[in-house]
Amino acid sequence: MVARSQWLTFALQTTERTRSIYIWNEKDNQLRKITGDLFDETQPVWDPAGKYLFYLSDRMYSPQISAVEWNYAGDRMTGVFAMALGKDVPHPFPPAER
């Protein structure tokens, strides 16, 4: 769990195989689920300025055939994602200028 002023964020098990990110506000005592059930999402962290919430999500599936076992193997499935915490917050990874 990570706390930032009156806000708390954490991941909870939502289905048999996935976790979702939740935030809780001390002021109104409301628990809000901010990600869906489709992917396994964990380890939420506030950025120091409080504009973004970063988290890990297992959503990249590019199976490879194992040369040893002749079976599928998953590799590099976890990515880092960011969520803006306000409508006026710019995109955390803007496109590169050419």
C-alpha atoms as a PDB file:
ATOM      1  CA  MET A   1       0.000   0.000   0.000  1.00  0.00           C
ATOM      2  CA  VAL A   2       1.154   3.508  -0.798  1.00  0.00           C
ATOM      3  CA  ALA A   3      -0.275   6.584   0.932  1.00  0.00           C
ATOM      4  CA  ARG A   4      -0.259  10.170  -0.352  1.00  0.00           C
ATOM      5  CA  SER A   5      -1.905  12.788   1.904  1.00  0.00           C
ATOM      6  CA  GLN A   6      -5.565  11.731   2.272  1.00  0.00           C
ATOM      7  CA  TRP A   7      -5.364   9.163  -0.562  1.00  0.00           C
ATOM      8  CA  LEU A   8      -4.383   5.500  -0.396  1.00  0.00           C
ATOM      9  CA  THR A   9      -3.764   3.196  -3.373  1.00  0.00           C
ATOM     10  CA  PHE A  10      -3.375  -0.576  -3.534  1.00  0.00           C
ATOM     11  CA  ALA A  11      -4.094  -3.667  -5.643  1.00  0.00           C
ATOM     12  CA  LEU A  12      -6.782  -6.206  -4.715  1.00  0.00           C
ATOM     13  CA  GLN A  13      -7.601  -9.607  -6.185  1.00  0.00           C
ATOM     14  CA  THR A  14     -10.699  -9.172  -8.396  1.00  0.00           C
ATOM     15  CA  THR A  15     -10.894 -12.451 -10.298  1.00  0.00           C
ATOM     16  CA  GLU A  16      -9.168 -15.796  -9.941  1.00  0.00           C
ATOM     17  CA  ARG A  17      -6.227 -14.567 -12.041  1.00  0.00           C
ATOM     18  CA  THR A  18      -6.239 -10.774 -11.932  1.00  0.00           C
ATOM     19  CA  ARG A  19      -5.792  -7.882  -9.538  1.00  0.00           C
ATOM     20  CA  SER A  20      -7.101  -4.340 -10.013  1.00  0.00           C
ATOM     21  CA  ILE A  21      -5.922  -0.970  -8.732  1.00  0.00           C
ATOM     22  CA  TYR A  22      -8.063   0.823  -6.149  1.00  0.00           C
ATOM     23  CA  ILE A  23      -7.847   4.231  -4.525  1.00  0.00           C
ATOM     24  CA  TRP A  24      -9.425   5.254  -1.236  1.00  0.00           C
ATOM     25  CA  ASN A  25     -10.084   8.816  -0.092  1.00  0.00           C
ATOM     26  CA  GLU A  26     -10.014   9.596   3.611  1.00  0.00           C
ATOM     27  CA  LYS A  27     -12.258  12.658   3.180  1.00  0.00           C
ATOM     28  CA  ASP A  28     -15.303  10.858   1.791  1.00  0.00           C
ATOM     29  CA  ASN A  29     -14.335   7.319   2.882  1.00  0.00           C
ATOM     30  CA  GLN A  30     -14.959   6.049  -0.680  1.00  0.00           C
ATOM     31  CA  LEU A  31     -13.185   3.083  -2.257  1.00  0.00           C
ATOM     32  CA  ARG A  32     -12.881   3.429  -6.046  1.00  0.00           C
ATOM     33  CA  LYS A  33     -11.792   0.745  -8.483  1.00  0.00           C
ATOM     34  CA  ILE A  34      -9.831   2.570 -11.198  1.00  0.00           C
ATOM     35  CA  THR A  35      -8.726  -0.299 -13.454  1.00  0.00           C
ATOM     36  CA  GLY A  36     -10.660  -3.183 -14.991  1.00  0.00           C
ATOM     37  CA  ASP A  37     -10.689  -6.948 -14.491  1.00  0.00           C
ATOM     38  CA  LEU A  38      -9.100  -7.935 -17.812  1.00  0.00           C
ATOM     39  CA  PHE A  39      -5.413  -7.605 -16.841  1.00  0.00           C
ATOM     40  CA  ASP A  40      -3.346  -8.307 -13.731  1.00  0.00           C
ATOM     41  CA  GLU A  41      -2.357  -4.867 -12.398  1.00  0.00           C
ATOM     42  CA  THR A  42      -0.135  -4.333  -9.357  1.00  0.00           C
ATOM     43  CA  GLN A  43       2.250  -2.079  -7.442  1.00  0.00           C
ATOM     44  CA  PRO A  44       0.628   1.366  -7.805  1.00  0.00           C
ATOM     45  CA  VAL A  45       2.891   4.313  -6.991  1.00  0.00           C
ATOM     46  CA  TRP A  46       2.119   8.057  -6.914  1.00  0.00           C
ATOM     47  CA  ASP A  47       4.551  10.278  -8.773  1.00  0.00           C
ATOM     48  CA  PRO A  48       6.265  12.866  -6.499  1.00  0.00           C
ATOM     49  CA  ALA A  49       4.198  15.770  -7.896  1.00  0.00           C
ATOM     50  CA  GLY A  50       0.895  13.905  -7.456  1.00  0.00           C
ATOM     51  CA  LYS A  51      -0.112  14.204 -11.120  1.00  0.00           C
ATOM     52  CA  TYR A  52       0.136  10.526 -12.118  1.00  0.00           C
ATOM     53  CA  LEU A  53      -0.370   7.065 -10.739  1.00  0.00           C
ATOM     54  CA  PHE A  54       2.124   4.556 -12.142  1.00  0.00           C
ATOM     55  CA  TYR A  55       1.508   0.800 -11.967  1.00  0.00           C
ATOM     56  CA  LEU A  56       2.597  -2.514 -13.466  1.00  0.00           C
ATOM     57  CA  SER A  57       0.270  -4.462 -15.738  1.00  0.00           C
ATOM     58  CA  ASP A  58       0.591  -7.895 -17.333  1.00  0.00           C
ATOM     59  CA  ARG A  59      -1.031  -7.290 -20.696  1.00  0.00           C
ATOM     60  CA  MET A  60       1.597  -7.923 -23.354  1.00  0.00           C
ATOM     61  CA  TYR A  61       1.361 -11.479 -24.579  1.00  0.00           C
ATOM     62  CA  SER A  62       3.801 -12.455 -27.296  1.00  0.00           C
ATOM     63  CA  PRO A  63       4.270 -16.191 -26.908  1.00  0.00           C
ATOM     64  CA  GLN A  64       7.440 -17.813 -28.139  1.00  0.00           C
ATOM     65  CA  ILE A  65       8.015 -21.473 -28.892  1.00  0.00           C
ATOM     66  CA  SER A  66      10.482 -22.984 -26.481  1.00  0.00           C
ATOM     67  CA  ALA A  67      13.312 -24.845 -28.210  1.00  0.00           C
ATOM     68  CA  VAL A  68      13.740 -27.106 -25.172  1.00  0.00           C
ATOM     69  CA  GLU A  69      10.168 -28.063 -24.268  1.00  0.00           C
ATOM     70  CA  TRP A  70       8.376 -27.539 -27.592  1.00  0.00           C
ATOM     71  CA  ASN A  71       5.783 -25.509 -25.785  1.00  0.00           C
ATOM     72  CA  TYR A  72       4.753 -21.834 -25.637  1.00  0.00           C
ATOM     73  CA  ALA A  73       6.640 -19.541 -23.304  1.00  0.00           C
ATOM     74  CA  GLY A  74       5.665 -16.018 -22.278  1.00  0.00           C
ATOM     75  CA  ASP A  75       8.366 -13.383 -21.944  1.00  0.00           C
ATOM     76  CA  ARG A  76       8.343  -9.650 -21.145  1.00  0.00           C
ATOM     77  CA  MET A  77       4.622  -9.603 -20.348  1.00  0.00           C
ATOM     78  CA  THR A  78       4.715  -6.805 -17.752  1.00  0.00           C
ATOM     79  CA  GLY A  79       4.711  -3.132 -18.704  1.00  0.00           C
ATOM     80  CA  VAL A  80       4.773   0.152 -16.800  1.00  0.00           C
ATOM     81  CA  PHE A  81       1.608   2.229 -17.212  1.00  0.00           C
ATOM     82  CA  ALA A  82       0.614   5.703 -16.032  1.00  0.00           C
ATOM     83  CA  MET A  83      -2.761   7.235 -15.264  1.00  0.00           C
ATOM     84  CA  ALA A  84      -3.261  11.004 -15.187  1.00  0.00           C
ATOM     85  CA  LEU A  85      -4.968  12.118 -11.986  1.00  0.00           C
ATOM     86  CA  GLY A  86      -6.681  15.162 -13.468  1.00  0.00           C
ATOM     87  CA  LYS A  87      -8.205  16.394 -16.712  1.00  0.00           C
ATOM     88  CA  ASP A  88      -5.644  19.194 -17.031  1.00  0.00           C
ATOM     89  CA  VAL A  89      -2.623  16.882 -16.593  1.00  0.00           C
ATOM     90  CA  PRO A  90      -0.600  16.419 -19.806  1.00  0.00           C
ATOM     91  CA  HIS A  91       0.126  12.986 -21.245  1.00  0.00           C
ATOM     92  CA  PRO A  92       3.037  11.432 -19.301  1.00  0.00           C
ATOM     93  CA  PHE A  93       4.714  10.139 -22.482  1.00  0.00           C
ATOM     94  CA  PRO A  94       4.053  12.712 -25.230  1.00  0.00           C
ATOM     95  CA  PRO A  95       4.981  11.823 -28.814  1.00  0.00           C
ATOM     96  CA  ALA A  96       8.509  12.740 -29.820  1.00  0.00           C
ATOM     97  CA  GLU A  97       8.818  15.850 -31.939  1.00  0.00           C
ATOM     98  CA  ARG A  98      10.316  15.393 -35.375  1.00  0.00           C
END
